[in-house]
Amino acid sequence: MTQVMKCVGASRKIFALMNHDSDNASKGIEKPEISGKIELTSVHFVYPSRPDRKVVEDLNLAIETGSTVAFVGSSGGGKSTVVALIERFYKPTSGSILMDGISIEEIDHEYYHEKIALVAQEPVLYNGTIRENILYGCEWATEADMLRSAQTANAHDFI
């Protein structure tokens, strides 16, 4: 089997996984205008596979619209888990996560993910132009959207 055929097979598996509905992907009822204030109140989380290990315990955090936040701490300290909770990849064991005062569980899942993004410590760039990388997954975006995204990410001046 050629390398290309192996890649095609692997790609199919990846796309099937990406299209799989998660228990956390419930359809929310709201599509509010989002400005971006995030509030975590008394958030607790344990992974179902390790219920005896508290990963996040009584986290209270307010992130103002337009601010830049860095989660710093030791390996295994829950930094990635907090981001995954905000991104709705997991539900908190208890507590609440609000976006502009609305529970993120009440916001339509697909709409929510159109409005938020994570810039990881080591971003991934795909083959193609910078423009194509910025607009990746947003076929509907306009040139103005692309410029605004570059400016918001503080990347416009060095591109």
N, C-alpha and C. Protein backbone atom coordinates (compact mmCIF):
# COMPACT_ATOMS: atom_id res chain seq x y z
N MET A 1 0.85 -1.18 0.00
CA MET A 1 0.00 0.00 0.00
C MET A 1 0.90 1.24 0.00
N THR A 2 0.57 2.18 -0.82
CA THR A 2 1.38 3.39 -0.90
C THR A 2 1.17 4.26 0.33
N GLN A 3 2.11 5.13 0.53
CA GLN A 3 2.02 6.06 1.67
C GLN A 3 0.77 6.93 1.56
N VAL A 4 0.42 7.32 0.34
CA VAL A 4 -0.77 8.16 0.13
C VAL A 4 -2.02 7.42 0.58
N MET A 5 -2.13 6.15 0.24
CA MET A 5 -3.30 5.36 0.63
C MET A 5 -3.40 5.23 2.15
N LYS A 6 -2.26 5.07 2.81
CA LYS A 6 -2.26 5.01 4.27
C LYS A 6 -2.77 6.33 4.85
N CYS A 7 -2.33 7.44 4.26
CA CYS A 7 -2.77 8.76 4.73
C CYS A 7 -4.26 8.97 4.50
N VAL A 8 -4.76 8.50 3.37
CA VAL A 8 -6.19 8.62 3.08
C VAL A 8 -6.99 7.85 4.13
N GLY A 9 -6.56 6.64 4.44
CA GLY A 9 -7.25 5.84 5.45
C GLY A 9 -7.22 6.50 6.81
N ALA A 10 -6.06 7.03 7.18
CA ALA A 10 -5.94 7.72 8.47
C ALA A 10 -6.81 8.97 8.49
N SER A 11 -6.84 9.70 7.38
CA SER A 11 -7.67 10.91 7.29
C SER A 11 -9.13 10.59 7.49
N ARG A 12 -9.60 9.51 6.90
CA ARG A 12 -11.01 9.12 7.07
C ARG A 12 -11.34 8.87 8.54
N LYS A 13 -10.43 8.21 9.23
CA LYS A 13 -10.65 7.94 10.66
C LYS A 13 -10.68 9.25 11.45
N ILE A 14 -9.79 10.16 11.12
CA ILE A 14 -9.75 11.44 11.82
C ILE A 14 -11.02 12.23 11.58
N PHE A 15 -11.46 12.30 10.31
CA PHE A 15 -12.69 13.05 10.00
C PHE A 15 -13.91 12.40 10.64
N ALA A 16 -13.94 11.08 10.71
CA ALA A 16 -15.06 10.40 11.37
C ALA A 16 -15.09 10.77 12.85
N LEU A 17 -13.92 10.81 13.47
CA LEU A 17 -13.82 11.19 14.88
C LEU A 17 -14.24 12.64 15.08
N MET A 18 -13.81 13.52 14.18
CA MET A 18 -14.17 14.93 14.28
C MET A 18 -15.67 15.14 14.11
N ASN A 19 -16.32 14.32 13.32
CA ASN A 19 -17.76 14.47 13.07
C ASN A 19 -18.62 13.76 14.11
N HIS A 20 -17.99 13.01 15.02
CA HIS A 20 -18.71 12.27 16.06
C HIS A 20 -19.32 13.25 17.05
N ASP A 21 -20.59 13.07 17.35
CA ASP A 21 -21.26 13.92 18.35
C ASP A 21 -20.82 13.52 19.74
N SER A 22 -20.38 14.49 20.50
CA SER A 22 -19.96 14.28 21.87
C SER A 22 -21.16 14.46 22.80
N ASP A 23 -21.05 13.88 23.98
CA ASP A 23 -22.08 14.12 25.00
C ASP A 23 -22.11 15.60 25.37
N ASN A 24 -20.98 16.28 25.22
CA ASN A 24 -20.90 17.70 25.56
C ASN A 24 -21.35 18.59 24.42
N ALA A 25 -21.69 18.01 23.28
CA ALA A 25 -22.04 18.81 22.10
C ALA A 25 -23.54 19.04 22.00
N SER A 26 -24.21 19.07 23.13
CA SER A 26 -25.65 19.30 23.10
C SER A 26 -25.95 20.62 22.44
N LYS A 27 -27.06 20.65 21.74
CA LYS A 27 -27.46 21.88 21.08
C LYS A 27 -27.96 22.85 22.14
N GLY A 28 -27.33 23.98 22.23
CA GLY A 28 -27.81 25.01 23.13
C GLY A 28 -29.00 25.71 22.51
N ILE A 29 -29.61 26.54 23.28
CA ILE A 29 -30.81 27.22 22.78
C ILE A 29 -30.54 28.66 22.38
N GLU A 30 -29.38 29.17 22.77
CA GLU A 30 -29.13 30.59 22.53
C GLU A 30 -27.99 30.81 21.55
N LYS A 31 -28.11 31.89 20.80
CA LYS A 31 -27.04 32.37 19.93
C LYS A 31 -26.85 33.86 20.22
N PRO A 32 -26.36 34.16 21.43
CA PRO A 32 -26.25 35.56 21.83
C PRO A 32 -25.07 36.25 21.15
N GLU A 33 -25.14 37.56 21.09
CA GLU A 33 -23.97 38.31 20.65
C GLU A 33 -22.93 38.15 21.77
N ILE A 34 -21.75 37.71 21.41
CA ILE A 34 -20.73 37.41 22.42
C ILE A 34 -19.63 38.48 22.37
N SER A 35 -19.38 39.09 23.54
CA SER A 35 -18.27 40.04 23.61
C SER A 35 -17.04 39.38 24.22
N GLY A 36 -17.23 38.35 25.06
CA GLY A 36 -16.10 37.55 25.49
C GLY A 36 -15.76 37.49 26.96
N LYS A 37 -16.57 38.05 27.85
CA LYS A 37 -16.25 37.94 29.28
C LYS A 37 -16.54 36.51 29.74
N ILE A 38 -15.55 35.89 30.36
CA ILE A 38 -15.68 34.51 30.82
C ILE A 38 -15.59 34.50 32.34
N GLU A 39 -16.53 33.79 32.97
CA GLU A 39 -16.52 33.67 34.43
C GLU A 39 -16.64 32.21 34.83
N LEU A 40 -15.71 31.76 35.64
CA LEU A 40 -15.79 30.43 36.23
C LEU A 40 -16.08 30.62 37.71
N THR A 41 -17.12 29.96 38.20
CA THR A 41 -17.53 30.12 39.59
C THR A 41 -17.60 28.75 40.26
N SER A 42 -16.79 28.58 41.30
CA SER A 42 -16.75 27.34 42.09
C SER A 42 -16.66 26.10 41.20
N VAL A 43 -15.78 26.16 40.21
CA VAL A 43 -15.64 25.04 39.26
C VAL A 43 -14.78 23.94 39.86
N HIS A 44 -15.33 22.73 39.81
CA HIS A 44 -14.63 21.52 40.22
C HIS A 44 -14.64 20.57 39.03
N PHE A 45 -13.57 19.76 38.90
CA PHE A 45 -13.56 18.78 37.81
C PHE A 45 -12.68 17.60 38.17
N VAL A 46 -13.22 16.42 37.89
CA VAL A 46 -12.45 15.17 37.95
C VAL A 46 -12.71 14.42 36.66
N TYR A 47 -11.69 13.76 36.15
CA TYR A 47 -11.88 12.92 34.97
C TYR A 47 -12.64 11.67 35.38
N PRO A 48 -13.62 11.25 34.59
CA PRO A 48 -14.40 10.06 34.94
C PRO A 48 -13.54 8.82 35.18
N SER A 49 -12.42 8.73 34.48
CA SER A 49 -11.55 7.56 34.63
C SER A 49 -10.71 7.62 35.91
N ARG A 50 -10.64 8.79 36.56
CA ARG A 50 -9.88 8.96 37.80
C ARG A 50 -10.67 9.79 38.80
N PRO A 51 -11.82 9.30 39.25
CA PRO A 51 -12.68 10.11 40.11
C PRO A 51 -12.07 10.47 41.46
N ASP A 52 -11.01 9.79 41.86
CA ASP A 52 -10.37 10.08 43.14
C ASP A 52 -9.35 11.22 43.06
N ARG A 53 -9.03 11.66 41.84
CA ARG A 53 -8.04 12.73 41.67
C ARG A 53 -8.72 14.02 41.21
N LYS A 54 -8.73 15.01 42.10
CA LYS A 54 -9.33 16.31 41.76
C LYS A 54 -8.34 17.08 40.88
N VAL A 55 -8.77 17.39 39.66
CA VAL A 55 -7.91 18.12 38.73
C VAL A 55 -8.11 19.62 38.90
N VAL A 56 -9.36 20.04 39.06
CA VAL A 56 -9.69 21.44 39.31
C VAL A 56 -10.58 21.46 40.55
N GLU A 57 -10.20 22.30 41.51
CA GLU A 57 -10.96 22.35 42.76
C GLU A 57 -11.29 23.79 43.14
N ASP A 58 -12.58 24.09 43.15
CA ASP A 58 -13.11 25.39 43.57
C ASP A 58 -12.42 26.57 42.87
N LEU A 59 -12.38 26.51 41.55
CA LEU A 59 -11.76 27.57 40.76
C LEU A 59 -12.75 28.70 40.53
N ASN A 60 -12.35 29.90 40.89
CA ASN A 60 -13.12 31.12 40.64
C ASN A 60 -12.22 32.04 39.84
N LEU A 61 -12.71 32.44 38.67
CA LEU A 61 -11.88 33.22 37.76
C LEU A 61 -12.77 34.08 36.87
N ALA A 62 -12.38 35.32 36.68
CA ALA A 62 -13.08 36.21 35.74
C ALA A 62 -12.06 36.70 34.72
N ILE A 63 -12.38 36.50 33.45
CA ILE A 63 -11.51 36.94 32.36
C ILE A 63 -12.29 38.00 31.58
N GLU A 64 -11.79 39.20 31.61
CA GLU A 64 -12.47 40.32 30.96
C GLU A 64 -12.32 40.25 29.44
N THR A 65 -13.29 40.78 28.75
CA THR A 65 -13.28 40.84 27.29
C THR A 65 -12.00 41.50 26.79
N GLY A 66 -11.36 40.86 25.83
CA GLY A 66 -10.17 41.43 25.19
C GLY A 66 -8.88 41.27 25.96
N SER A 67 -8.93 40.63 27.13
CA SER A 67 -7.71 40.47 27.91
C SER A 67 -6.94 39.24 27.44
N THR A 68 -5.66 39.22 27.78
CA THR A 68 -4.80 38.08 27.48
C THR A 68 -4.52 37.38 28.79
N VAL A 69 -4.67 36.06 28.79
CA VAL A 69 -4.50 35.28 30.01
C VAL A 69 -3.52 34.15 29.75
N ALA A 70 -2.64 33.91 30.70
CA ALA A 70 -1.72 32.78 30.63
C ALA A 70 -1.95 31.91 31.86
N PHE A 71 -2.14 30.62 31.65
CA PHE A 71 -2.24 29.68 32.75
C PHE A 71 -0.85 29.09 32.96
N VAL A 72 -0.31 29.32 34.14
CA VAL A 72 1.05 28.90 34.44
C VAL A 72 1.01 27.97 35.64
N GLY A 73 1.78 26.90 35.57
CA GLY A 73 1.83 25.99 36.70
C GLY A 73 2.57 24.72 36.34
N SER A 74 2.65 23.84 37.29
CA SER A 74 3.39 22.60 37.09
C SER A 74 2.65 21.66 36.15
N SER A 75 3.38 20.73 35.60
CA SER A 75 2.79 19.72 34.73
C SER A 75 1.75 18.92 35.51
N GLY A 76 0.58 18.74 34.91
CA GLY A 76 -0.48 18.01 35.59
C GLY A 76 -1.29 18.86 36.55
N GLY A 77 -1.05 20.16 36.55
CA GLY A 77 -1.72 21.05 37.49
C GLY A 77 -3.12 21.48 37.09
N GLY A 78 -3.57 21.10 35.89
CA GLY A 78 -4.93 21.40 35.48
C GLY A 78 -5.07 22.53 34.47
N LYS A 79 -3.96 23.08 34.00
CA LYS A 79 -4.02 24.21 33.06
C LYS A 79 -4.78 23.85 31.78
N SER A 80 -4.39 22.77 31.15
CA SER A 80 -5.06 22.34 29.91
C SER A 80 -6.50 21.95 30.16
N THR A 81 -6.77 21.40 31.32
CA THR A 81 -8.13 21.01 31.67
C THR A 81 -9.03 22.23 31.79
N VAL A 82 -8.53 23.31 32.39
CA VAL A 82 -9.32 24.54 32.50
C VAL A 82 -9.66 25.06 31.11
N VAL A 83 -8.70 25.06 30.21
CA VAL A 83 -8.95 25.50 28.84
C VAL A 83 -9.98 24.59 28.18
N ALA A 84 -9.85 23.28 28.37
CA ALA A 84 -10.81 22.33 27.79
C ALA A 84 -12.21 22.54 28.36
N LEU A 85 -12.32 22.92 29.62
CA LEU A 85 -13.62 23.21 30.21
C LEU A 85 -14.23 24.46 29.57
N ILE A 86 -13.42 25.50 29.40
CA ILE A 86 -13.90 26.73 28.76
C ILE A 86 -14.32 26.44 27.32
N GLU A 87 -13.58 25.57 26.65
CA GLU A 87 -13.90 25.24 25.26
C GLU A 87 -15.08 24.26 25.14
N ARG A 88 -15.59 23.83 26.28
CA ARG A 88 -16.73 22.90 26.33
C ARG A 88 -16.39 21.50 25.85
N PHE A 89 -15.13 21.12 25.98
CA PHE A 89 -14.75 19.75 25.66
C PHE A 89 -15.14 18.82 26.81
N TYR A 90 -15.25 19.40 28.01
CA TYR A 90 -15.70 18.68 29.20
C TYR A 90 -16.71 19.55 29.93
N LYS A 91 -17.54 18.90 30.74
CA LYS A 91 -18.45 19.63 31.63
C LYS A 91 -17.84 19.61 33.03
N PRO A 92 -17.94 20.72 33.75
CA PRO A 92 -17.45 20.71 35.13
C PRO A 92 -18.21 19.68 35.96
N THR A 93 -17.53 19.09 36.92
CA THR A 93 -18.20 18.19 37.86
C THR A 93 -19.22 18.98 38.66
N SER A 94 -18.85 20.20 39.03
CA SER A 94 -19.78 21.13 39.65
C SER A 94 -19.28 22.55 39.40
N GLY A 95 -20.14 23.51 39.65
CA GLY A 95 -19.80 24.90 39.39
C GLY A 95 -20.34 25.34 38.04
N SER A 96 -20.03 26.58 37.68
CA SER A 96 -20.57 27.12 36.42
C SER A 96 -19.51 27.87 35.63
N ILE A 97 -19.71 27.85 34.32
CA ILE A 97 -18.87 28.62 33.40
C ILE A 97 -19.81 29.48 32.58
N LEU A 98 -19.62 30.79 32.65
CA LEU A 98 -20.49 31.73 31.95
C LEU A 98 -19.71 32.49 30.89
N MET A 99 -20.37 32.74 29.78
CA MET A 99 -19.85 33.63 28.73
C MET A 99 -20.81 34.80 28.67
N ASP A 100 -20.33 35.97 29.04
CA ASP A 100 -21.17 37.17 29.06
C ASP A 100 -22.44 36.95 29.88
N GLY A 101 -22.30 36.24 31.01
CA GLY A 101 -23.41 36.03 31.92
C GLY A 101 -24.34 34.89 31.56
N ILE A 102 -24.06 34.16 30.48
CA ILE A 102 -24.91 33.04 30.05
C ILE A 102 -24.11 31.76 30.21
N SER A 103 -24.72 30.74 30.80
CA SER A 103 -24.05 29.45 30.93
C SER A 103 -23.65 28.95 29.55
N ILE A 104 -22.40 28.50 29.42
CA ILE A 104 -21.95 28.03 28.10
C ILE A 104 -22.74 26.81 27.64
N GLU A 105 -23.36 26.11 28.57
CA GLU A 105 -24.19 24.96 28.20
C GLU A 105 -25.49 25.39 27.53
N GLU A 106 -25.88 26.65 27.71
CA GLU A 106 -27.11 27.17 27.10
C GLU A 106 -26.86 27.75 25.71
N ILE A 107 -25.59 27.92 25.37
CA ILE A 107 -25.24 28.51 24.07
C ILE A 107 -25.10 27.39 23.05
N ASP A 108 -25.67 27.59 21.88
CA ASP A 108 -25.56 26.60 20.82
C ASP A 108 -24.09 26.22 20.62
N HIS A 109 -23.81 24.92 20.64
CA HIS A 109 -22.43 24.41 20.62
C HIS A 109 -21.65 24.88 19.39
N GLU A 110 -22.23 24.71 18.22
CA GLU A 110 -21.53 25.11 16.99
C GLU A 110 -21.31 26.62 16.95
N TYR A 111 -22.32 27.37 17.35
CA TYR A 111 -22.22 28.83 17.39
C TYR A 111 -21.10 29.26 18.36
N TYR A 112 -21.07 28.62 19.53
CA TYR A 112 -20.06 28.92 20.54
C TYR A 112 -18.66 28.75 19.97
N HIS A 113 -18.46 27.64 19.25
CA HIS A 113 -17.13 27.36 18.71
C HIS A 113 -16.79 28.22 17.50
N GLU A 114 -17.76 28.87 16.91
CA GLU A 114 -17.47 29.87 15.88
C GLU A 114 -16.97 31.16 16.51
N LYS A 115 -17.30 31.37 17.79
CA LYS A 115 -17.00 32.64 18.45
C LYS A 115 -15.76 32.61 19.34
N ILE A 116 -15.27 31.43 19.68
CA ILE A 116 -14.09 31.36 20.55
C ILE A 116 -12.97 30.63 19.83
N ALA A 117 -11.75 30.88 20.26
CA ALA A 117 -10.60 30.20 19.69
C ALA A 117 -9.49 30.15 20.73
N LEU A 118 -8.66 29.16 20.59
CA LEU A 118 -7.51 28.99 21.47
C LEU A 118 -6.26 29.18 20.62
N VAL A 119 -5.34 29.99 21.11
CA VAL A 119 -4.03 30.08 20.49
C VAL A 119 -3.08 29.38 21.45
N ALA A 120 -2.66 28.19 21.06
CA ALA A 120 -1.82 27.37 21.93
C ALA A 120 -0.41 27.96 22.01
N GLN A 121 0.33 27.48 22.98
CA GLN A 121 1.69 27.94 23.18
C GLN A 121 2.54 27.68 21.94
N GLU A 122 2.31 26.56 21.29
CA GLU A 122 3.02 26.22 20.07
C GLU A 122 1.99 26.05 18.96
N PRO A 123 1.62 27.17 18.30
CA PRO A 123 0.58 27.08 17.28
C PRO A 123 1.00 26.21 16.10
N VAL A 124 0.02 25.61 15.47
CA VAL A 124 0.25 24.76 14.31
C VAL A 124 -0.04 25.57 13.07
N LEU A 125 0.89 25.56 12.12
CA LEU A 125 0.66 26.20 10.84
C LEU A 125 0.55 25.10 9.78
N TYR A 126 -0.44 25.25 8.94
CA TYR A 126 -0.66 24.29 7.87
C TYR A 126 -0.01 24.80 6.60
N ASN A 127 0.26 23.89 5.67
CA ASN A 127 0.78 24.31 4.37
C ASN A 127 -0.19 25.32 3.77
N GLY A 128 0.35 26.34 3.15
CA GLY A 128 -0.48 27.37 2.55
C GLY A 128 -0.03 28.74 2.99
N THR A 129 -0.77 29.72 2.60
CA THR A 129 -0.43 31.10 2.92
C THR A 129 -0.84 31.44 4.34
N ILE A 130 -0.34 32.56 4.83
CA ILE A 130 -0.76 33.04 6.16
C ILE A 130 -2.26 33.29 6.15
N ARG A 131 -2.75 33.86 5.07
CA ARG A 131 -4.19 34.11 4.92
C ARG A 131 -4.98 32.81 5.08
N GLU A 132 -4.53 31.75 4.39
CA GLU A 132 -5.23 30.46 4.47
C GLU A 132 -5.18 29.89 5.89
N ASN A 133 -4.07 30.10 6.59
CA ASN A 133 -3.96 29.63 7.97
C ASN A 133 -4.91 30.38 8.89
N ILE A 134 -5.00 31.69 8.72
CA ILE A 134 -5.90 32.48 9.57
C ILE A 134 -7.35 32.09 9.33
N LEU A 135 -7.71 31.85 8.07
CA LEU A 135 -9.10 31.55 7.71
C LEU A 135 -9.43 30.07 7.75
N TYR A 136 -8.49 29.23 8.18
CA TYR A 136 -8.70 27.78 8.18
C TYR A 136 -9.98 27.42 8.95
N GLY A 137 -10.87 26.74 8.29
CA GLY A 137 -12.13 26.32 8.91
C GLY A 137 -13.22 27.38 8.90
N CYS A 138 -12.94 28.53 8.34
CA CYS A 138 -13.92 29.62 8.30
C CYS A 138 -14.12 30.07 6.86
N GLU A 139 -14.62 29.18 6.04
CA GLU A 139 -14.79 29.47 4.62
C GLU A 139 -15.67 30.68 4.38
N TRP A 140 -16.56 30.99 5.29
CA TRP A 140 -17.50 32.09 5.17
C TRP A 140 -16.88 33.45 5.49
N ALA A 141 -15.66 33.47 6.06
CA ALA A 141 -15.06 34.71 6.53
C ALA A 141 -14.68 35.63 5.37
N THR A 142 -14.79 36.91 5.63
CA THR A 142 -14.45 37.93 4.63
C THR A 142 -13.01 38.40 4.83
N GLU A 143 -12.56 39.21 3.91
CA GLU A 143 -11.23 39.81 4.02
C GLU A 143 -11.14 40.67 5.29
N ALA A 144 -12.21 41.39 5.59
CA ALA A 144 -12.25 42.21 6.81
C ALA A 144 -12.15 41.34 8.06
N ASP A 145 -12.82 40.17 8.05
CA ASP A 145 -12.73 39.24 9.18
C ASP A 145 -11.29 38.77 9.37
N MET A 146 -10.62 38.46 8.25
CA MET A 146 -9.25 37.99 8.31
C MET A 146 -8.33 39.07 8.89
N LEU A 147 -8.49 40.30 8.44
CA LEU A 147 -7.66 41.40 8.96
C LEU A 147 -7.93 41.64 10.45
N ARG A 148 -9.21 41.62 10.83
CA ARG A 148 -9.58 41.81 12.24
C ARG A 148 -8.99 40.69 13.10
N SER A 149 -9.01 39.46 12.61
CA SER A 149 -8.43 38.33 13.35
C SER A 149 -6.93 38.51 13.54
N ALA A 150 -6.24 38.93 12.49
CA ALA A 150 -4.80 39.15 12.59
C ALA A 150 -4.49 40.27 13.58
N GLN A 151 -5.30 41.33 13.57
CA GLN A 151 -5.09 42.44 14.51
C GLN A 151 -5.39 42.02 15.94
N THR A 152 -6.48 41.28 16.13
CA THR A 152 -6.86 40.81 17.47
C THR A 152 -5.79 39.90 18.06
N ALA A 153 -5.16 39.10 17.20
CA ALA A 153 -4.11 38.18 17.65
C ALA A 153 -2.75 38.87 17.78
N ASN A 154 -2.73 40.19 17.59
CA ASN A 154 -1.48 40.96 17.64
C ASN A 154 -0.45 40.43 16.64
N ALA A 155 -0.93 39.95 15.50
CA ALA A 155 -0.04 39.41 14.47
C ALA A 155 0.02 40.29 13.23
N HIS A 156 -0.91 41.21 13.09
CA HIS A 156 -1.03 42.01 11.87
C HIS A 156 0.25 42.79 11.56
N ASP A 157 0.87 43.37 12.57
CA ASP A 157 2.04 44.23 12.35
C ASP A 157 3.26 43.46 11.86
N PHE A 158 3.40 42.19 12.22
CA PHE A 158 4.59 41.47 11.78
C PHE A 158 4.34 40.54 10.60
N ILE A 159 3.11 40.47 10.12
CA ILE A 159 2.81 39.63 8.95
C ILE A 159 3.28 40.35 7.70
